[in-house]
N, C-alpha and C. Protein backbone atom coordinates (compact mmCIF):
# COMPACT_ATOMS: atom_id res chain seq x y z
N MET A 1 57.45 75.23 96.97
CA MET A 1 57.64 75.55 98.49
C MET A 1 56.62 77.08 98.65
N ARG A 2 55.88 76.88 99.49
CA ARG A 2 55.22 77.80 100.15
C ARG A 2 55.69 79.02 100.91
N LYS A 3 55.62 80.18 100.67
CA LYS A 3 56.44 81.39 101.54
C LYS A 3 55.48 81.63 102.77
N GLU A 4 56.26 81.75 103.90
CA GLU A 4 55.65 81.89 105.30
C GLU A 4 55.14 83.28 105.51
N VAL A 5 53.88 83.13 106.09
CA VAL A 5 52.87 84.25 106.22
C VAL A 5 53.70 85.34 107.07
N VAL A 6 53.53 86.50 106.70
CA VAL A 6 53.84 87.84 107.48
C VAL A 6 52.82 88.31 108.28
N ILE A 7 53.07 88.31 109.55
CA ILE A 7 51.77 89.01 110.26
C ILE A 7 51.93 90.25 110.29
N LEU A 8 50.88 91.05 110.31
CA LEU A 8 50.81 92.33 110.15
C LEU A 8 49.84 92.71 111.57
N VAL A 9 50.54 93.57 112.67
CA VAL A 9 49.85 93.94 113.97
C VAL A 9 49.48 95.38 113.50
N ALA A 10 48.34 95.52 113.61
CA ALA A 10 47.71 97.14 113.54
C ALA A 10 47.08 97.41 114.72
N ASP A 11 47.87 97.93 115.79
CA ASP A 11 47.16 98.36 117.38
C ASP A 11 48.12 99.55 117.72
N ASP A 12 47.57 100.55 118.18
CA ASP A 12 48.17 101.89 118.66
C ASP A 12 48.57 101.70 119.92
N ASP A 13 48.18 100.70 120.64
CA ASP A 13 48.48 100.45 122.11
C ASP A 13 49.89 99.64 122.04
N HIS A 14 50.95 100.39 122.48
CA HIS A 14 52.23 99.64 122.10
C HIS A 14 52.38 98.46 123.17
N GLY A 15 51.69 98.47 124.44
CA GLY A 15 51.82 97.38 125.44
C GLY A 15 51.03 96.16 124.76
N HIS A 16 49.92 96.22 124.20
CA HIS A 16 49.16 95.27 123.49
C HIS A 16 49.92 94.70 122.37
N ALA A 17 50.42 95.49 121.55
CA ALA A 17 51.16 94.99 120.51
C ALA A 17 52.21 93.90 120.90
N ARG A 18 53.23 94.29 122.04
CA ARG A 18 54.21 93.92 122.51
C ARG A 18 53.72 92.50 123.05
N LEU A 19 52.63 92.60 123.61
CA LEU A 19 52.19 91.28 124.39
C LEU A 19 51.60 90.26 123.13
N ILE A 20 51.19 90.91 122.01
CA ILE A 20 50.72 89.93 120.95
C ILE A 20 52.09 89.27 120.35
N GLU A 21 53.09 89.90 120.13
CA GLU A 21 54.37 89.62 119.45
C GLU A 21 55.02 88.59 120.27
N LYS A 22 54.88 88.70 121.82
CA LYS A 22 55.73 87.97 122.57
C LYS A 22 54.87 86.46 122.85
N ASN A 23 53.51 86.60 122.80
CA ASN A 23 52.72 85.58 123.13
C ASN A 23 52.58 84.58 121.77
N LEU A 24 52.77 85.17 120.41
CA LEU A 24 52.79 84.48 119.18
C LEU A 24 53.99 83.86 119.53
N SER A 25 55.12 84.38 119.90
CA SER A 25 56.43 83.68 119.74
C SER A 25 56.23 82.30 120.86
N ARG A 26 55.79 82.65 122.00
CA ARG A 26 55.54 81.55 122.90
C ARG A 26 54.71 80.62 122.17
N ALA A 27 53.90 80.86 121.24
CA ALA A 27 53.14 79.72 120.78
C ALA A 27 53.79 78.84 119.73
N GLY A 28 55.13 79.35 119.63
CA GLY A 28 55.96 78.62 118.61
C GLY A 28 56.05 79.19 117.11
N LEU A 29 55.44 80.28 116.83
CA LEU A 29 55.40 81.35 115.83
C LEU A 29 56.75 82.20 115.66
N HIS A 30 57.42 82.02 114.65
CA HIS A 30 58.76 82.94 114.43
C HIS A 30 58.54 83.72 112.93
N ASN A 31 57.28 83.85 112.61
CA ASN A 31 57.15 84.57 111.52
C ASN A 31 57.34 86.00 111.76
N GLN A 32 57.75 86.78 110.40
CA GLN A 32 57.99 87.90 110.52
C GLN A 32 56.76 88.94 110.84
N ILE A 33 56.90 89.95 111.89
CA ILE A 33 55.86 90.50 112.22
C ILE A 33 56.11 92.01 112.11
N LEU A 34 55.10 92.62 111.38
CA LEU A 34 55.25 94.09 111.02
C LEU A 34 54.12 94.67 111.89
N ARG A 35 54.51 95.84 112.41
CA ARG A 35 53.84 96.73 113.47
C ARG A 35 53.38 97.99 112.80
N PHE A 36 51.97 98.20 112.86
CA PHE A 36 51.52 99.65 112.46
C PHE A 36 50.86 100.26 113.61
N GLU A 37 50.83 101.71 113.70
CA GLU A 37 50.30 102.35 115.02
C GLU A 37 49.01 102.97 114.59
N ASN A 38 48.68 102.77 113.45
CA ASN A 38 47.29 103.45 113.07
C ASN A 38 46.97 102.76 111.83
N GLY A 39 45.38 102.94 111.44
CA GLY A 39 44.99 102.36 110.23
C GLY A 39 45.47 103.20 108.93
N GLN A 40 45.96 104.42 108.96
CA GLN A 40 46.59 104.71 107.68
C GLN A 40 47.96 104.04 107.42
N GLU A 41 48.64 103.90 108.52
CA GLU A 41 50.13 103.17 108.09
C GLU A 41 49.82 101.86 107.40
N VAL A 42 48.56 101.13 108.11
CA VAL A 42 48.52 99.56 107.32
C VAL A 42 48.00 99.92 105.91
N LEU A 43 47.01 100.67 105.90
CA LEU A 43 46.40 100.97 104.31
C LEU A 43 47.42 101.41 103.45
N ASP A 44 48.50 102.15 104.00
CA ASP A 44 49.42 102.73 103.08
C ASP A 44 50.41 101.60 102.61
N PHE A 45 50.84 100.68 103.78
CA PHE A 45 51.69 99.55 103.23
C PHE A 45 50.91 98.57 102.47
N LEU A 46 49.82 98.14 102.61
CA LEU A 46 48.87 97.49 101.82
C LEU A 46 48.60 97.83 100.31
N PHE A 47 48.26 99.17 100.23
CA PHE A 47 47.83 99.73 99.01
C PHE A 47 49.22 100.31 98.32
N CYS A 48 50.23 100.17 98.83
CA CYS A 48 51.66 100.62 98.21
C CYS A 48 51.64 102.21 97.89
N ARG A 49 51.04 103.15 98.92
CA ARG A 49 51.30 104.33 99.00
C ARG A 49 52.15 105.01 99.86
N GLY A 50 52.51 106.33 99.63
CA GLY A 50 53.10 107.12 100.75
C GLY A 50 54.65 106.72 100.58
N ASP A 51 55.54 107.09 101.71
CA ASP A 51 56.82 107.12 101.61
C ASP A 51 57.38 105.94 102.56
N GLY A 52 56.44 105.23 103.29
CA GLY A 52 56.91 104.16 104.07
C GLY A 52 57.05 102.62 103.36
N PRO A 53 57.05 101.64 104.23
CA PRO A 53 57.31 100.40 103.63
C PRO A 53 56.23 99.92 102.95
N LYS A 54 56.14 99.05 101.76
CA LYS A 54 55.10 98.69 101.03
C LYS A 54 55.17 97.00 100.90
N ARG A 55 54.04 96.61 100.67
CA ARG A 55 53.94 94.95 100.88
C ARG A 55 54.64 94.66 99.58
N ALA A 56 54.99 93.17 99.48
CA ALA A 56 55.81 92.43 98.66
C ALA A 56 54.74 91.82 97.72
N VAL A 57 54.94 91.57 96.50
CA VAL A 57 53.99 90.72 95.57
C VAL A 57 54.42 89.21 95.89
N ALA A 58 53.19 88.56 95.92
CA ALA A 58 53.14 87.15 96.07
C ALA A 58 53.51 86.77 97.57
N THR A 59 53.55 87.74 98.63
CA THR A 59 53.87 87.47 99.93
C THR A 59 52.56 87.23 100.67
N PRO A 60 52.25 86.12 101.55
CA PRO A 60 51.09 85.88 102.21
C PRO A 60 51.03 86.66 103.26
N TYR A 61 50.02 87.50 103.56
CA TYR A 61 49.96 88.27 105.16
C TYR A 61 48.73 87.95 105.72
N LEU A 62 48.75 88.25 107.03
CA LEU A 62 47.50 87.84 107.95
C LEU A 62 47.80 89.04 108.74
N LEU A 63 46.35 89.82 109.07
CA LEU A 63 46.35 90.97 109.69
C LEU A 63 45.57 90.79 111.11
N LEU A 64 46.09 91.16 112.07
CA LEU A 64 45.51 91.40 113.47
C LEU A 64 45.10 93.01 113.60
N LEU A 65 43.86 93.05 113.66
CA LEU A 65 43.43 94.35 113.53
C LEU A 65 42.65 95.11 114.68
N ASP A 66 43.20 96.19 115.33
CA ASP A 66 42.41 96.83 116.41
C ASP A 66 41.37 97.51 116.02
N ILE A 67 40.38 97.86 116.46
CA ILE A 67 39.16 98.55 115.79
C ILE A 67 39.51 100.12 116.26
N ARG A 68 39.96 100.55 117.59
CA ARG A 68 39.93 101.81 117.80
C ARG A 68 41.42 102.39 117.63
N MET A 69 41.67 102.89 116.48
CA MET A 69 42.91 103.41 116.27
C MET A 69 42.77 104.95 115.69
N PRO A 70 43.74 105.61 115.67
CA PRO A 70 43.90 107.13 115.31
C PRO A 70 43.85 106.95 113.56
N LYS A 71 43.89 108.07 113.11
CA LYS A 71 43.79 108.44 111.69
C LYS A 71 42.72 107.66 111.10
N VAL A 72 42.80 106.32 110.78
CA VAL A 72 41.66 105.57 110.39
C VAL A 72 41.56 104.34 111.15
N ASP A 73 40.04 104.08 111.59
CA ASP A 73 39.91 103.07 112.54
C ASP A 73 39.85 101.59 111.75
N GLY A 74 39.92 100.62 112.52
CA GLY A 74 39.98 99.34 112.05
C GLY A 74 38.93 98.99 111.14
N VAL A 75 37.67 99.40 111.44
CA VAL A 75 36.42 99.08 110.74
C VAL A 75 36.71 99.47 109.34
N GLU A 76 37.07 100.64 108.98
CA GLU A 76 37.21 101.38 107.84
C GLU A 76 38.53 100.60 107.23
N VAL A 77 39.50 100.25 108.08
CA VAL A 77 40.79 99.38 107.27
C VAL A 77 40.06 97.80 106.78
N LEU A 78 39.28 97.49 107.61
CA LEU A 78 38.92 96.34 107.11
C LEU A 78 37.87 96.34 105.73
N ARG A 79 37.00 97.47 105.87
CA ARG A 79 36.17 97.61 104.74
C ARG A 79 36.77 97.90 103.34
N GLN A 80 38.12 98.83 103.58
CA GLN A 80 38.90 99.06 102.36
C GLN A 80 39.83 97.67 101.76
N ILE A 81 40.17 96.96 102.76
CA ILE A 81 40.78 95.67 102.25
C ILE A 81 39.69 94.68 101.78
N LYS A 82 38.66 94.57 102.28
CA LYS A 82 37.75 93.53 101.66
C LYS A 82 37.09 93.99 100.35
N GLN A 83 37.24 95.36 99.84
CA GLN A 83 36.66 95.80 98.86
C GLN A 83 37.57 95.70 97.67
N ASP A 84 38.93 95.66 97.93
CA ASP A 84 39.88 95.50 96.86
C ASP A 84 40.17 93.86 96.38
N PRO A 85 40.21 93.76 95.06
CA PRO A 85 40.07 92.43 94.36
C PRO A 85 41.39 91.69 95.04
N GLN A 86 42.42 91.96 95.17
CA GLN A 86 43.56 91.38 95.51
C GLN A 86 43.48 91.35 97.02
N LEU A 87 43.33 92.52 97.85
CA LEU A 87 43.74 92.46 99.18
C LEU A 87 42.55 91.72 100.05
N ARG A 88 41.51 91.64 99.39
CA ARG A 88 40.39 90.76 100.10
C ARG A 88 40.75 89.20 100.46
N LYS A 89 41.99 88.67 99.77
CA LYS A 89 42.33 87.50 100.18
C LYS A 89 43.08 87.51 101.70
N ILE A 90 43.27 88.43 102.04
CA ILE A 90 44.06 88.56 103.25
C ILE A 90 43.34 88.27 104.36
N PRO A 91 43.70 87.15 105.25
CA PRO A 91 42.69 86.96 106.31
C PRO A 91 42.89 88.10 107.40
N VAL A 92 41.71 88.57 108.09
CA VAL A 92 41.72 89.71 109.04
C VAL A 92 41.22 89.18 110.26
N SER A 93 41.79 89.29 111.56
CA SER A 93 41.11 89.09 112.72
C SER A 93 41.09 90.37 113.49
N MET A 94 40.01 90.57 113.62
CA MET A 94 39.65 91.80 114.71
C MET A 94 40.26 91.48 116.18
N LEU A 95 41.02 92.20 116.70
CA LEU A 95 41.62 91.92 117.94
C LEU A 95 41.26 93.14 118.80
N THR A 96 40.27 93.29 119.58
CA THR A 96 39.84 94.50 120.02
C THR A 96 39.04 94.29 121.55
N THR A 97 39.12 95.37 122.26
CA THR A 97 38.45 95.25 123.51
C THR A 97 37.02 95.54 123.36
N MET A 98 36.58 95.92 122.02
CA MET A 98 35.02 96.28 121.83
C MET A 98 34.39 94.88 121.78
N ASP A 99 33.18 94.58 122.67
CA ASP A 99 32.42 93.07 122.55
C ASP A 99 30.90 93.49 122.10
N ASP A 100 30.72 94.53 121.80
CA ASP A 100 29.53 94.97 121.35
C ASP A 100 28.89 94.02 120.02
N PRO A 101 27.91 93.23 120.45
CA PRO A 101 27.41 92.42 119.10
C PRO A 101 27.04 92.92 118.03
N ARG A 102 26.73 94.15 118.09
CA ARG A 102 26.41 94.80 116.60
C ARG A 102 27.58 95.23 115.92
N GLU A 103 28.88 95.32 116.90
CA GLU A 103 30.10 95.71 115.90
C GLU A 103 30.68 94.46 115.53
N VAL A 104 30.39 93.16 116.20
CA VAL A 104 30.94 91.89 115.89
C VAL A 104 30.29 91.53 114.79
N GLU A 105 28.84 91.63 114.47
CA GLU A 105 28.14 91.40 113.28
C GLU A 105 28.68 92.36 112.20
N HIS A 106 28.73 93.42 112.36
CA HIS A 106 29.17 94.58 111.20
C HIS A 106 30.54 94.13 110.83
N CYS A 107 31.54 93.71 111.60
CA CYS A 107 32.84 93.46 111.16
C CYS A 107 32.69 92.08 110.44
N HIS A 108 32.03 91.15 110.75
CA HIS A 108 31.70 89.75 109.72
C HIS A 108 30.98 90.15 108.57
N ALA A 109 30.11 91.08 108.41
CA ALA A 109 29.62 91.42 107.52
C ALA A 109 30.47 92.02 106.48
N LEU A 110 31.58 92.76 106.63
CA LEU A 110 32.49 93.48 106.08
C LEU A 110 33.47 92.41 105.60
N GLY A 111 33.63 91.22 106.29
CA GLY A 111 34.49 90.25 105.73
C GLY A 111 35.54 89.86 106.85
N CYS A 112 35.56 90.18 107.94
CA CYS A 112 36.42 89.61 108.82
C CYS A 112 36.47 88.11 108.96
N ASN A 113 37.65 87.61 109.41
CA ASN A 113 37.61 86.30 109.26
C ASN A 113 37.24 85.47 110.76
N ASN A 114 37.71 86.54 111.99
CA ASN A 114 37.31 86.19 113.29
C ASN A 114 37.24 87.55 113.89
N TYR A 115 36.75 87.19 115.13
CA TYR A 115 36.66 88.52 116.14
C TYR A 115 37.00 87.99 117.21
N ILE A 116 38.29 88.64 117.87
CA ILE A 116 38.57 88.18 119.11
C ILE A 116 38.63 89.50 120.24
N VAL A 117 37.76 89.29 121.32
CA VAL A 117 37.94 90.17 122.45
C VAL A 117 38.98 90.09 123.37
N LYS A 118 39.77 91.18 123.28
CA LYS A 118 40.90 91.11 124.10
C LYS A 118 40.54 91.12 125.69
N PRO A 119 40.78 90.29 126.44
CA PRO A 119 40.74 90.05 127.93
C PRO A 119 41.39 91.17 128.37
N VAL A 120 40.77 91.78 129.47
CA VAL A 120 41.30 92.71 130.36
C VAL A 120 42.55 92.13 131.04
N ASP A 121 42.27 90.88 131.68
CA ASP A 121 43.18 90.15 132.44
C ASP A 121 44.33 89.48 131.72
N TYR A 122 45.50 89.94 132.11
CA TYR A 122 46.71 89.67 131.37
C TYR A 122 47.03 88.18 131.09
N ASP A 123 46.77 87.57 132.11
CA ASP A 123 46.84 85.83 131.83
C ASP A 123 45.70 85.53 130.73
N LYS A 124 44.67 85.89 130.77
CA LYS A 124 43.81 85.62 129.85
C LYS A 124 44.06 86.00 128.25
N PHE A 125 44.57 87.22 128.32
CA PHE A 125 44.96 87.86 127.00
C PHE A 125 46.05 87.29 126.59
N ALA A 126 47.05 86.90 127.37
CA ALA A 126 48.27 86.11 126.93
C ALA A 126 47.78 84.50 126.01
N GLU A 127 46.87 83.90 127.09
CA GLU A 127 46.40 82.68 126.56
C GLU A 127 45.70 82.91 125.15
N ALA A 128 44.64 83.84 125.16
CA ALA A 128 44.22 84.01 123.84
C ALA A 128 44.96 84.14 122.59
N ILE A 129 46.03 85.06 122.94
CA ILE A 129 47.08 85.15 121.94
C ILE A 129 47.90 83.62 121.34
N LYS A 130 48.11 83.07 122.50
CA LYS A 130 48.62 81.73 122.20
C LYS A 130 47.70 80.90 121.35
N GLN A 131 46.64 81.00 121.55
CA GLN A 131 45.54 80.04 120.95
C GLN A 131 45.53 80.56 119.49
N LEU A 132 45.64 82.10 119.31
CA LEU A 132 45.67 82.56 118.00
C LEU A 132 46.76 82.05 117.22
N GLY A 133 47.91 81.92 118.02
CA GLY A 133 49.12 81.55 117.23
C GLY A 133 48.98 80.07 117.01
N LEU A 134 48.48 79.44 117.31
CA LEU A 134 48.22 77.68 117.13
C LEU A 134 47.32 77.79 115.84
N PHE A 135 46.16 78.65 115.84
CA PHE A 135 45.56 78.93 114.60
C PHE A 135 46.44 79.38 113.38
N ILE A 136 47.22 80.32 113.68
CA ILE A 136 47.80 81.02 112.52
C ILE A 136 48.82 79.71 111.92
N SER A 137 49.43 79.02 112.81
CA SER A 137 50.37 78.15 112.30
C SER A 137 49.77 77.15 111.65
N LEU A 138 48.41 76.76 111.71
CA LEU A 138 47.78 75.87 110.76
C LEU A 138 47.11 76.34 109.38
N VAL A 139 46.77 77.47 109.35
CA VAL A 139 45.99 78.24 108.43
C VAL A 139 46.98 78.40 107.11
N GLN A 140 46.34 77.93 105.82
CA GLN A 140 46.94 78.52 104.65
C GLN A 140 46.58 79.86 104.04
N VAL A 141 47.28 80.63 104.15
CA VAL A 141 46.92 81.87 103.54
C VAL A 141 47.70 82.48 102.06
N PRO A 142 46.84 82.80 100.94
CA PRO A 142 47.26 82.93 99.72
C PRO A 142 48.08 84.18 99.48
N GLY A 143 49.40 84.09 98.80
CA GLY A 143 49.90 85.22 98.55
C GLY A 143 49.07 86.23 97.66
N ILE A 144 49.40 87.53 97.65
CA ILE A 144 48.87 88.46 97.00
C ILE A 144 49.52 88.97 95.64
N ASN A 145 48.85 88.67 94.61
CA ASN A 145 49.64 88.92 93.44
C ASN A 145 49.31 90.25 92.68
N GLY A 146 50.16 90.79 91.82
CA GLY A 146 49.95 92.07 91.04
C GLY A 146 50.02 93.18 91.95
N ASP A 147 49.76 94.45 91.49
CA ASP A 147 50.00 95.54 92.09
C ASP A 147 48.69 96.31 92.56
N ALA A 148 48.72 97.00 93.77
CA ALA A 148 47.48 97.63 94.08
C ALA A 148 46.80 98.47 93.23
């Protein structure tokens, strides 16, 4: 029996994060969702550093990652995750308002699995997240073994 994927949402905009959670639920996903308000928090969680919560061994994770965040931006988070032999297995979806083709190319070169531009319009954003939820419900995600 495979473990259900835990969805990590790294976004400093509380409204966007709530909208993501709400629309993933509307898409039929009831996975555990952990939210991080900056890049450093998600790195500490994944690399098992600091005083906060830490990732669990053999648990599959999927990361929805904003680019513009305080402390450590999403591109740097992506770079560090994809350079680690264990963590690079985590599927990373960049979920951002930045639609610069150079940024899209850069994130893909670093190893992101997909790049989704947050529509400014509420209904379009909600629909984009629902579609992402359908994708997440179908994707197979490996667990992370060993310690960071």
